[in-house]
């Protein structure tokens, strides 16, 4: 039985890169510390409700419309904002300082970062070396061409070198060389 599911970067709304085309898919994603229950709002996505009723964790890579101060820790356990954008993502906002997001479960301590964040000390190395996560959850849209190399080999080597489990989900788009 699956205990955790990771979706690819941009996997919910597809590989599109304009504010206008993804806006209908975005949500106000609250901070997990505030009392908010998404299952009570009929217009909301139901990923957290599905995860709760199935007793699994779901890492869903979706964008924020804006920062918001609301959430139920039993439903939303963590929220991460990508810090290191890829060159084609310059139209999107990102936090000025990297976030170091972790959460504990009965089966491990998890850390989250997205795609090109793996290429930088903050947040990738800090999560493993200082915050001592044992598993990294990694939504990505990784191209399998130089200079980024093959997703499987690069991500496997990174995880092996850092000594962590690595749960990665990559976007599949063969026209953009995203095949693994």
Protein backbone atom coordinates (compact mmCIF):
# COMPACT_ATOMS: atom_id res chain seq x y z
CA UNK A 1 0.00 0.00 0.00
CA UNK A 2 1.19 3.48 -0.84
CA UNK A 3 1.79 5.73 2.14
CA UNK A 4 2.94 8.78 0.19
CA UNK A 5 2.34 10.00 -3.38
CA UNK A 6 4.46 12.66 -5.12
CA UNK A 7 3.10 14.45 -8.21
CA UNK A 8 5.40 15.97 -10.84
CA UNK A 9 6.16 19.66 -10.97
CA UNK A 10 3.32 21.28 -12.91
CA UNK A 11 1.68 17.84 -13.06
CA UNK A 12 -1.77 19.06 -12.09
CA UNK A 13 -2.09 21.80 -14.71
CA UNK A 14 0.37 20.66 -17.33
CA UNK A 15 3.55 22.11 -18.68
CA UNK A 16 2.49 25.71 -19.34
CA UNK A 17 4.37 28.82 -18.30
CA UNK A 18 2.21 31.89 -18.21
CA UNK A 19 0.37 33.37 -15.27
CA UNK A 20 -2.83 33.47 -17.33
CA UNK A 21 -2.85 29.81 -18.38
CA UNK A 22 -2.22 28.38 -14.92
CA UNK A 23 -4.32 30.85 -12.91
CA UNK A 24 -7.51 28.72 -13.03
CA UNK A 25 -5.60 25.87 -11.36
CA UNK A 26 -4.03 27.89 -8.56
CA UNK A 27 -5.27 27.97 -5.00
CA UNK A 28 -4.74 30.08 -1.93
CA UNK A 29 -2.50 27.63 -0.12
CA UNK A 30 -2.47 28.49 3.57
CA UNK A 31 0.22 28.07 6.13
CA UNK A 32 -0.17 24.71 7.90
CA UNK A 33 -0.17 26.40 11.32
CA UNK A 34 -3.59 28.06 10.91
CA UNK A 35 -7.02 26.41 11.32
CA UNK A 36 -8.36 25.73 7.81
CA UNK A 37 -10.24 22.64 6.58
CA UNK A 38 -10.31 22.46 2.75
CA UNK A 39 -12.87 19.62 2.67
CA UNK A 40 -15.57 22.03 3.88
CA UNK A 41 -15.22 24.30 0.84
CA UNK A 42 -16.96 22.82 -2.25
CA UNK A 43 -14.99 24.88 -4.78
CA UNK A 44 -11.61 23.63 -3.51
CA UNK A 45 -9.53 20.79 -4.87
CA UNK A 46 -10.06 17.66 -2.82
CA UNK A 47 -6.52 16.30 -2.70
CA UNK A 48 -6.21 16.79 1.03
CA UNK A 49 -9.62 15.17 1.62
CA UNK A 50 -8.65 12.18 -0.54
CA UNK A 51 -5.33 11.85 1.26
CA UNK A 52 -6.99 12.03 4.66
CA UNK A 53 -9.70 9.50 3.85
CA UNK A 54 -7.10 7.12 2.35
CA UNK A 55 -4.63 7.65 5.21
CA UNK A 56 -1.82 8.67 2.81
CA UNK A 57 0.30 11.75 2.24
CA UNK A 58 0.03 13.51 -1.14
CA UNK A 59 2.66 15.94 -2.39
CA UNK A 60 0.80 18.01 -4.97
CA UNK A 61 2.86 20.56 -6.85
CA UNK A 62 0.58 23.54 -7.48
CA UNK A 63 1.14 27.27 -7.38
CA UNK A 64 -0.15 29.81 -4.89
CA UNK A 65 -2.41 32.67 -5.91
CA UNK A 66 -1.16 34.62 -2.93
CA UNK A 67 0.11 34.03 0.57
CA UNK A 68 -2.72 33.26 2.95
CA UNK A 69 -3.03 32.74 6.68
CA UNK A 70 -5.27 29.68 7.09
CA UNK A 71 -5.05 25.60 7.47
CA UNK A 72 -5.82 22.41 9.42
CA UNK A 73 -2.57 20.61 10.36
CA UNK A 74 -4.41 17.27 10.09
CA UNK A 75 -5.02 17.95 6.39
CA UNK A 76 -2.19 20.18 5.20
CA UNK A 77 1.06 19.17 6.88
CA UNK A 78 3.52 21.28 4.88
CA UNK A 79 3.73 23.98 2.24
CA UNK A 80 6.85 24.72 0.20
CA UNK A 81 7.59 27.50 -2.31
CA UNK A 82 10.28 26.83 -4.93
CA UNK A 83 13.20 29.20 -4.40
CA UNK A 84 15.57 28.56 -7.32
CA UNK A 85 13.65 29.07 -10.55
CA UNK A 86 14.68 27.62 -13.89
CA UNK A 87 15.53 30.14 -16.63
CA UNK A 88 12.09 29.81 -18.28
CA UNK A 89 10.26 30.55 -15.01
CA UNK A 90 11.27 34.18 -14.58
CA UNK A 91 7.66 35.41 -14.75
CA UNK A 92 6.80 33.68 -11.48
CA UNK A 93 7.29 34.94 -7.96
CA UNK A 94 9.52 33.12 -5.50
CA UNK A 95 10.40 33.63 -1.86
CA UNK A 96 13.31 36.00 -1.29
CA UNK A 97 14.79 33.57 1.25
CA UNK A 98 14.80 29.77 0.81
CA UNK A 99 12.34 27.74 2.87
CA UNK A 100 13.44 24.66 4.80
CA UNK A 101 10.29 22.54 4.99
CA UNK A 102 10.22 19.28 6.93
CA UNK A 103 7.57 17.11 8.53
CA UNK A 104 7.62 13.92 10.59
CA UNK A 105 5.56 10.79 10.08
CA UNK A 106 5.53 7.42 11.78
CA UNK A 107 7.74 6.18 8.91
CA UNK A 108 10.34 8.95 8.62
CA UNK A 109 11.33 12.59 8.56
CA UNK A 110 10.65 14.20 5.20
CA UNK A 111 11.97 17.30 3.47
CA UNK A 112 10.54 18.97 0.37
CA UNK A 113 12.10 20.98 -2.44
CA UNK A 114 11.31 21.34 -6.13
CA UNK A 115 13.28 20.75 -9.35
CA UNK A 116 16.22 23.16 -9.73
CA UNK A 117 16.39 23.64 -5.95
CA UNK A 118 18.48 20.44 -5.97
CA UNK A 119 21.33 22.33 -7.64
CA UNK A 120 21.76 24.71 -4.72
CA UNK A 121 23.01 24.46 -1.15
CA UNK A 122 19.83 26.16 0.08
CA UNK A 123 17.48 24.39 0.52
CA UNK A 124 18.71 20.97 -0.67
CA UNK A 125 21.89 20.42 1.33
CA UNK A 126 20.56 22.17 4.45
CA UNK A 127 17.54 19.85 4.65
CA UNK A 128 19.76 16.79 4.67
CA UNK A 129 22.85 17.94 6.56
CA UNK A 130 21.43 20.33 9.17
CA UNK A 131 17.77 19.31 9.47
CA UNK A 132 18.60 15.62 9.02
CA UNK A 133 15.69 14.43 6.92
CA UNK A 134 15.89 10.80 5.86
CA UNK A 135 13.69 11.18 2.77
CA UNK A 136 13.39 13.99 0.21
CA UNK A 137 10.13 14.51 -1.67
CA UNK A 138 10.95 15.97 -5.07
CA UNK A 139 8.38 17.16 -7.62
CA UNK A 140 10.28 18.01 -10.80
CA UNK A 141 10.11 18.75 -14.50
CA UNK A 142 13.64 17.66 -15.38
CA UNK A 143 15.00 17.62 -18.91
CA UNK A 144 17.17 14.68 -19.90
CA UNK A 145 19.68 16.64 -21.95
CA UNK A 146 22.87 18.57 -21.23
CA UNK A 147 23.56 20.65 -19.22
CA UNK A 148 21.04 19.07 -16.81
CA UNK A 149 21.95 15.46 -17.59
CA UNK A 150 19.64 12.50 -17.23
CA UNK A 151 17.11 12.78 -14.43
CA UNK A 152 17.48 9.23 -13.08
CA UNK A 153 21.26 9.23 -12.98
CA UNK A 154 21.62 12.73 -11.56
CA UNK A 155 18.92 12.35 -8.91
CA UNK A 156 20.11 8.87 -7.92
CA UNK A 157 23.69 10.08 -7.58
CA UNK A 158 22.60 13.09 -5.49
CA UNK A 159 20.54 10.92 -3.14
CA UNK A 160 23.33 8.37 -2.81
CA UNK A 161 25.90 11.07 -2.11
CA UNK A 162 23.66 12.72 0.49
CA UNK A 163 22.66 9.38 2.05
CA UNK A 164 18.89 9.89 1.80
CA UNK A 165 15.87 8.24 0.26
CA UNK A 166 14.59 10.21 -2.71
CA UNK A 167 10.95 10.13 -3.88
CA UNK A 168 10.92 11.93 -7.21
CA UNK A 169 8.12 12.47 -9.72
CA UNK A 170 9.10 13.88 -13.12
CA UNK A 171 6.89 15.43 -15.77
CA UNK A 172 6.65 13.34 -18.94
CA UNK A 173 6.87 15.51 -22.07
CA UNK A 174 8.97 13.91 -24.80
CA UNK A 175 8.90 17.02 -27.02
CA UNK A 176 10.79 18.85 -24.24
CA UNK A 177 13.12 15.88 -23.54
CA UNK A 178 11.39 15.13 -20.25
CA UNK A 179 11.20 11.37 -20.53
CA UNK A 180 12.17 9.87 -17.19
